[in-house]
Structures are given as C-alpha cells and as structure tokens.
Amino acid sequence: MALGLPLCWNNSVLPALGFSLRGRSVANVLFAATYTGVFRGRPNWLSASGLRWGLGSSAVVLAGYGAVLAIPALRKLPAEIAVLVPETSTLEWIAVHIPVGTVLAEEAVFRATLDPLLTTHGYPPALGAADFALWHIHPARTAGDSLPVTLAATTVAGLIFSALRRRADSATAPALLHLAINAGGALLPTLAAYVETRLAAGSGIGRLPGPMTIQP
C-alpha cells in the first residue's frame, strides 16, 4: 500500500481532479501530510546534520549551474530553451510551487516516510527510488518529455536523495538538494538568456528581440 498509493495519487487521482497549478500544490501537500501521518514518517526536518549535508550538496549543484553560466559554449544551451511556466509567473513557480508543491511534498512522501518504512521491513533502497521514478510518469507525458529518459533520471536522483537521507538521518538534506536542482534548473535558462543579452549589448550588437530568443 505504501508503494502503490503515491503512484495512484500522482498518475491517476490528482490528474483526474483537474485542479489548477495552485490547487495541485495544495493537494500534493495535503496528500503528503496524510501519507506521512498514516505511515508514521520520520522526516527529522530540524536536524543539524541534515542542514549541513543539504547545504553542502546544494552548493555543488549551484556551482555547476554557475559554471554553465560562465562558460560561453555551455551557456548558449540553456539560453536557447524557452521555459514555459503554466498558469503562473516564474517567480511564483520558483518561490512557491517548486519548494512546496514539489520538493516538500515529494520528500515527505519518499525520503521521510517510504524510505524508512522500506528499511524497517528489509527492502533495498532501490525500491523507493524506483517508486519515485514511477511517480513522474504522468507529469512526463503531460510535458511531452521522453518517458525512458525521465524514468532513468528520476531513478538516479531517487538513489542519490535516499543515500543522502541515510547519511544525514534527515529528509532535510535531500530536500535542499532537490530544491537546488529543480529551482536552479528552472531559473537557469532565464539567467543564461539575460547574460547573453547583456554581453550582446556590451559588444555593440544591440538589444536582442526577447529574453528567450538568442541570435547567433
């Protein structure tokens, strides 16, 4: 039941409800709170170890994003991606829906509750990572993303998040890493386009047509 409920919720029940983005974020948090209560989750959110490991791993990710922005050949890749944020502003998406509707909800379900439950019953951590990957089936299809690539990427991410939770004994560590990856990835194309625009203006090329349209 603990493995199946998240998959049923995110791939069937939540899409069928037809909520707006804000409604989905609220519904995800309520589902996560209920799930954590029913299965006696152990998030240990206030752990000092979780904070240290989370900030350390997040710093590595943010440094990687910084390198992408600093290297012209890499910066042009995200600069050419149009970020489509449905139903809301980019600021609201990054400040509210990613940290609360996505990161908090998913970490409460998978790392704070499912992972300890699997460990208690002698199941391998890979089972939780696989469940985390399958959670993303409907979102991947809705976004038009490659399903095999999404499943592979989220399985690897799930394994890393689970290992971080075990090391820190807290869901705070993977939550901070998860937030850095998602929020940084959402903001990266806009920042890359801004840098390209500023560089073009500084070199005398002039202002580009739009923040997400990069001319060679």
Protein backbone atom coordinates (compact mmCIF):
# COMPACT_ATOMS: atom_id res chain seq x y z
CA MET A 1 0.00 0.00 0.00
CA ALA A 2 2.80 2.41 0.85
CA LEU A 3 4.37 1.82 -2.57
CA GLY A 4 1.15 1.94 -4.55
CA LEU A 5 -0.63 4.95 -3.05
CA PRO A 6 1.82 7.60 -4.31
CA LEU A 7 1.69 6.18 -7.83
CA CYS A 8 -2.09 6.08 -7.83
CA TRP A 9 -2.27 9.62 -6.47
CA ASN A 10 0.13 11.37 -8.87
CA ASN A 11 -0.64 9.41 -12.03
CA SER A 12 -4.40 8.92 -11.69
CA VAL A 13 -6.24 10.70 -8.87
CA LEU A 14 -4.59 14.13 -8.98
CA PRO A 15 -4.83 14.49 -12.80
CA ALA A 16 -8.49 13.43 -12.69
CA LEU A 17 -9.30 16.19 -10.20
CA GLY A 18 -8.46 18.82 -12.82
CA PHE A 19 -7.04 21.33 -10.36
CA SER A 20 -5.11 24.44 -11.35
CA LEU A 21 -1.40 24.60 -10.56
CA ARG A 22 -2.13 26.21 -7.20
CA GLY A 23 -4.76 23.61 -6.44
CA ARG A 24 -2.35 20.80 -7.31
CA SER A 25 0.32 22.22 -5.00
CA VAL A 26 -2.14 22.40 -2.10
CA ALA A 27 -3.47 18.91 -2.86
CA ASN A 28 0.06 17.46 -3.00
CA VAL A 29 0.92 18.93 0.39
CA LEU A 30 -2.29 17.57 1.92
CA PHE A 31 -1.64 14.14 0.41
CA ALA A 32 1.94 14.17 1.71
CA ALA A 33 0.82 15.18 5.20
CA THR A 34 -1.79 12.43 5.27
CA TYR A 35 0.62 9.84 3.90
CA THR A 36 3.29 10.81 6.42
CA GLY A 37 0.80 10.58 9.27
CA VAL A 38 -0.67 7.24 8.23
CA PHE A 39 2.70 5.56 7.67
CA ARG A 40 4.46 7.33 10.55
CA GLY A 41 7.07 9.23 8.60
CA ARG A 42 10.30 10.32 10.24
CA PRO A 43 11.43 13.48 8.42
CA ASN A 44 13.66 14.90 11.17
CA TRP A 45 13.40 18.28 9.45
CA LEU A 46 15.26 20.20 12.18
CA SER A 47 18.40 18.07 12.03
CA ALA A 48 21.67 19.98 12.06
CA SER A 49 23.29 17.13 10.12
CA GLY A 50 20.54 17.31 7.51
CA LEU A 51 21.11 21.04 7.13
CA ARG A 52 24.88 20.64 6.73
CA TRP A 53 24.64 17.84 4.18
CA GLY A 54 21.84 19.58 2.34
CA LEU A 55 23.66 22.89 2.05
CA GLY A 56 26.89 21.15 1.05
CA SER A 57 25.32 19.10 -1.72
CA SER A 58 23.27 22.09 -2.90
CA ALA A 59 26.45 24.17 -3.15
CA VAL A 60 27.91 21.62 -5.57
CA VAL A 61 24.82 21.83 -7.79
CA LEU A 62 24.73 25.62 -7.71
CA ALA A 63 28.44 25.75 -8.53
CA GLY A 64 27.71 23.57 -11.56
CA TYR A 65 24.97 25.95 -12.69
CA GLY A 66 27.38 28.85 -12.16
CA ALA A 67 29.94 27.14 -14.39
CA VAL A 68 27.33 26.73 -17.12
CA LEU A 69 26.61 30.47 -16.97
CA ALA A 70 30.32 31.35 -17.01
CA ILE A 71 31.33 29.18 -20.00
CA PRO A 72 30.00 30.57 -23.30
CA ALA A 73 29.74 27.23 -25.07
CA LEU A 74 27.65 25.80 -22.23
CA ARG A 75 25.67 28.98 -21.58
CA LYS A 76 24.19 29.01 -25.09
CA LEU A 77 22.42 25.67 -24.49
CA PRO A 78 20.07 26.76 -21.67
CA ALA A 79 19.79 30.25 -23.19
CA GLU A 80 18.02 28.75 -26.21
CA ILE A 81 15.42 26.91 -24.11
CA ALA A 82 12.06 28.59 -23.69
CA VAL A 83 10.83 27.95 -20.16
CA LEU A 84 7.06 27.56 -20.16
CA VAL A 85 5.64 28.00 -16.67
CA PRO A 86 1.93 27.17 -16.82
CA GLU A 87 -0.69 29.32 -15.11
CA THR A 88 1.67 31.43 -13.04
CA SER A 89 4.72 33.69 -13.02
CA THR A 90 8.26 32.33 -12.96
CA LEU A 91 8.73 33.93 -9.53
CA GLU A 92 5.71 32.15 -8.06
CA TRP A 93 6.78 28.90 -9.71
CA ILE A 94 10.25 29.03 -8.19
CA ALA A 95 9.30 30.54 -4.82
CA VAL A 96 6.16 28.54 -4.06
CA HIS A 97 5.29 25.63 -6.32
CA ILE A 98 8.74 24.06 -6.62
CA PRO A 99 9.70 24.23 -2.90
CA VAL A 100 6.24 23.45 -1.50
CA GLY A 101 4.13 21.63 -4.10
CA THR A 102 7.03 19.57 -5.42
CA VAL A 103 10.02 19.33 -3.08
CA LEU A 104 8.30 19.37 0.31
CA ALA A 105 5.54 17.01 -0.81
CA GLU A 106 7.83 14.52 -2.56
CA GLU A 107 10.47 14.44 0.15
CA ALA A 108 7.83 13.97 2.84
CA VAL A 109 6.39 11.01 0.93
CA PHE A 110 9.52 9.30 -0.34
CA ARG A 111 12.51 10.13 1.84
CA ALA A 112 10.76 10.97 5.11
CA THR A 113 8.26 8.11 5.03
CA LEU A 114 8.69 5.45 2.34
CA ASP A 115 12.45 5.01 2.65
CA PRO A 116 12.46 4.41 6.44
CA LEU A 117 9.48 2.09 6.05
CA LEU A 118 11.27 0.01 3.41
CA THR A 119 14.41 -0.13 5.55
CA THR A 120 12.42 -1.28 8.56
CA HIS A 121 10.97 -4.18 6.56
CA GLY A 122 14.29 -5.15 4.98
CA TYR A 123 13.69 -3.90 1.42
CA PRO A 124 16.52 -2.32 -0.63
CA PRO A 125 16.64 1.48 -1.11
CA ALA A 126 16.43 0.97 -4.88
CA LEU A 127 12.76 0.05 -4.46
CA GLY A 128 11.99 3.51 -3.11
CA ALA A 129 13.98 5.13 -5.93
CA ALA A 130 12.02 3.12 -8.49
CA ASP A 131 8.74 4.21 -6.90
CA PHE A 132 9.92 7.82 -7.01
CA ALA A 133 10.65 7.44 -10.72
CA LEU A 134 7.24 5.93 -11.46
CA TRP A 135 5.62 8.86 -9.63
CA HIS A 136 6.76 11.01 -12.61
CA ILE A 137 5.01 9.04 -15.39
CA HIS A 138 2.00 11.32 -15.83
CA PRO A 139 3.95 14.60 -15.43
CA ALA A 140 6.46 13.43 -18.07
CA ARG A 141 3.70 12.53 -20.53
CA THR A 142 1.89 15.81 -19.89
CA ALA A 143 5.08 17.80 -20.54
CA GLY A 144 5.91 15.77 -23.65
CA ASP A 145 9.20 14.58 -22.14
CA SER A 146 10.83 11.27 -23.06
CA LEU A 147 9.45 8.70 -20.62
CA PRO A 148 12.56 6.42 -20.62
CA VAL A 149 14.84 9.41 -20.03
CA THR A 150 12.59 10.73 -17.27
CA LEU A 151 12.42 7.35 -15.54
CA ALA A 152 16.19 6.88 -15.75
CA ALA A 153 16.96 10.38 -14.49
CA THR A 154 14.49 10.26 -11.61
CA THR A 155 15.66 6.79 -10.57
CA VAL A 156 19.23 8.07 -10.29
CA ALA A 157 18.01 11.15 -8.45
CA GLY A 158 15.99 8.95 -6.10
CA LEU A 159 19.03 6.83 -5.30
CA ILE A 160 21.10 9.94 -4.55
CA PHE A 161 18.36 11.50 -2.41
CA SER A 162 17.89 8.26 -0.48
CA ALA A 163 21.61 7.89 0.16
CA LEU A 164 21.76 11.48 1.39
CA ARG A 165 18.84 10.89 3.75
CA ARG A 166 20.52 7.83 5.22
CA ARG A 167 23.82 9.65 5.62
CA ALA A 168 22.27 12.67 7.34
CA ASP A 169 19.43 10.76 9.04
CA SER A 170 17.13 13.55 7.88
CA ALA A 171 14.89 14.38 4.93
CA THR A 172 16.19 17.95 5.09
CA ALA A 173 19.39 17.03 3.25
CA PRO A 174 17.74 15.56 0.12
CA ALA A 175 15.06 18.27 0.24
CA LEU A 176 17.66 21.03 -0.04
CA LEU A 177 19.47 19.20 -2.84
CA HIS A 178 16.16 18.57 -4.60
CA LEU A 179 15.29 22.27 -4.29
CA ALA A 180 18.65 23.37 -5.68
CA ILE A 181 18.32 21.07 -8.69
CA ASN A 182 14.74 21.98 -9.55
CA ALA A 183 14.74 25.70 -8.76
CA GLY A 184 18.18 26.24 -10.26
CA GLY A 185 17.24 24.29 -13.37
CA ALA A 186 14.05 26.32 -13.78
CA LEU A 187 15.91 29.62 -13.42
CA LEU A 188 18.99 28.71 -15.46
CA PRO A 189 17.57 29.38 -18.97
CA THR A 190 16.34 32.84 -17.95
CA LEU A 191 19.70 33.71 -16.36
CA ALA A 192 21.61 32.39 -19.37
CA ALA A 193 19.46 34.45 -21.75
CA TYR A 194 19.98 37.52 -19.56
CA VAL A 195 23.77 37.07 -19.58
CA GLU A 196 23.77 36.59 -23.36
CA THR A 197 21.66 39.72 -23.80
CA ARG A 198 23.95 41.81 -21.59
CA LEU A 199 27.04 40.57 -23.37
CA ALA A 200 25.49 41.30 -26.76
CA ALA A 201 24.53 44.82 -25.63
CA GLY A 202 28.01 45.41 -24.25
CA SER A 203 29.65 44.35 -27.50
CA GLY A 204 27.57 46.81 -29.54
CA ILE A 205 25.30 44.26 -31.14
CA GLY A 206 22.29 45.88 -29.52
CA ARG A 207 19.34 44.63 -27.61
CA LEU A 208 18.05 41.24 -28.67
CA PRO A 209 14.39 40.77 -29.66
CA GLY A 210 13.37 38.98 -26.47
CA PRO A 211 14.83 37.41 -23.35
CA MET A 212 14.34 33.85 -24.62
CA THR A 213 15.35 34.44 -28.28
CA ILE A 214 19.10 34.24 -28.77
CA GLN A 215 20.54 35.25 -32.14
CA PRO A 216 23.89 33.74 -33.22
